[in-house]
Amino acid sequence: MFYDLPHEIISYIYEFDNTFRDKFDKVLEDIQQYQVYSYKNMNNETMFYIYDIHTEMSHVTNSLETPNWISTSFRISKKDMKEIATLRKLERTRKKLQYDISNFHFGPDYQNDFHELRFLD
C-alpha cells in the first residue's frame, strides 16, 4: 500500500500533488464494501452504523466483534446515508467489522427477552 512506502518517497509524491492523500482516501472509501461509523447514544454507549454500499443496507449494532443485537434497514442510498451521518453526527471510524454482518446468526445462548428491549435515542 501507499502508506507502507518509505517516508521520503511519500513526501516526494506529495510535492507533485498534495491532494493525493485526499484522492486516495476517497478511492478507498468508494471501494470498501462497508463504511463503519460510530456514535454515542443517550446512555453514552458506543454504537455503530455499518453501511453496505453494494446492497444499500444499513445496520446498527452495539459491537463490531460480538454484537448483542443488530438492526437492519433496507434501500438506504449513499446519499441517504450521508444525510443520516450528518444529522446524527456520526463519525467515520477505521475500526473493522469482525464478522459477516449479512449472514450473522446469534448463537444458542441468545435469548429473545422483550423485557430487556430498549429504544435508543
Foldseek 3Di string as FASTA:
>chain_A
DLVVDDPVVNVVVCVVPVCVVVVVVVVVVVPDQWWKWWDAWPVRQIKIWIAGQVQRKIKIFRDLADTLDIDIDGDHHPVNVVVVCVVRVIGTDPDHRPDDPVPDDDDPVRDPDPVPDDDID
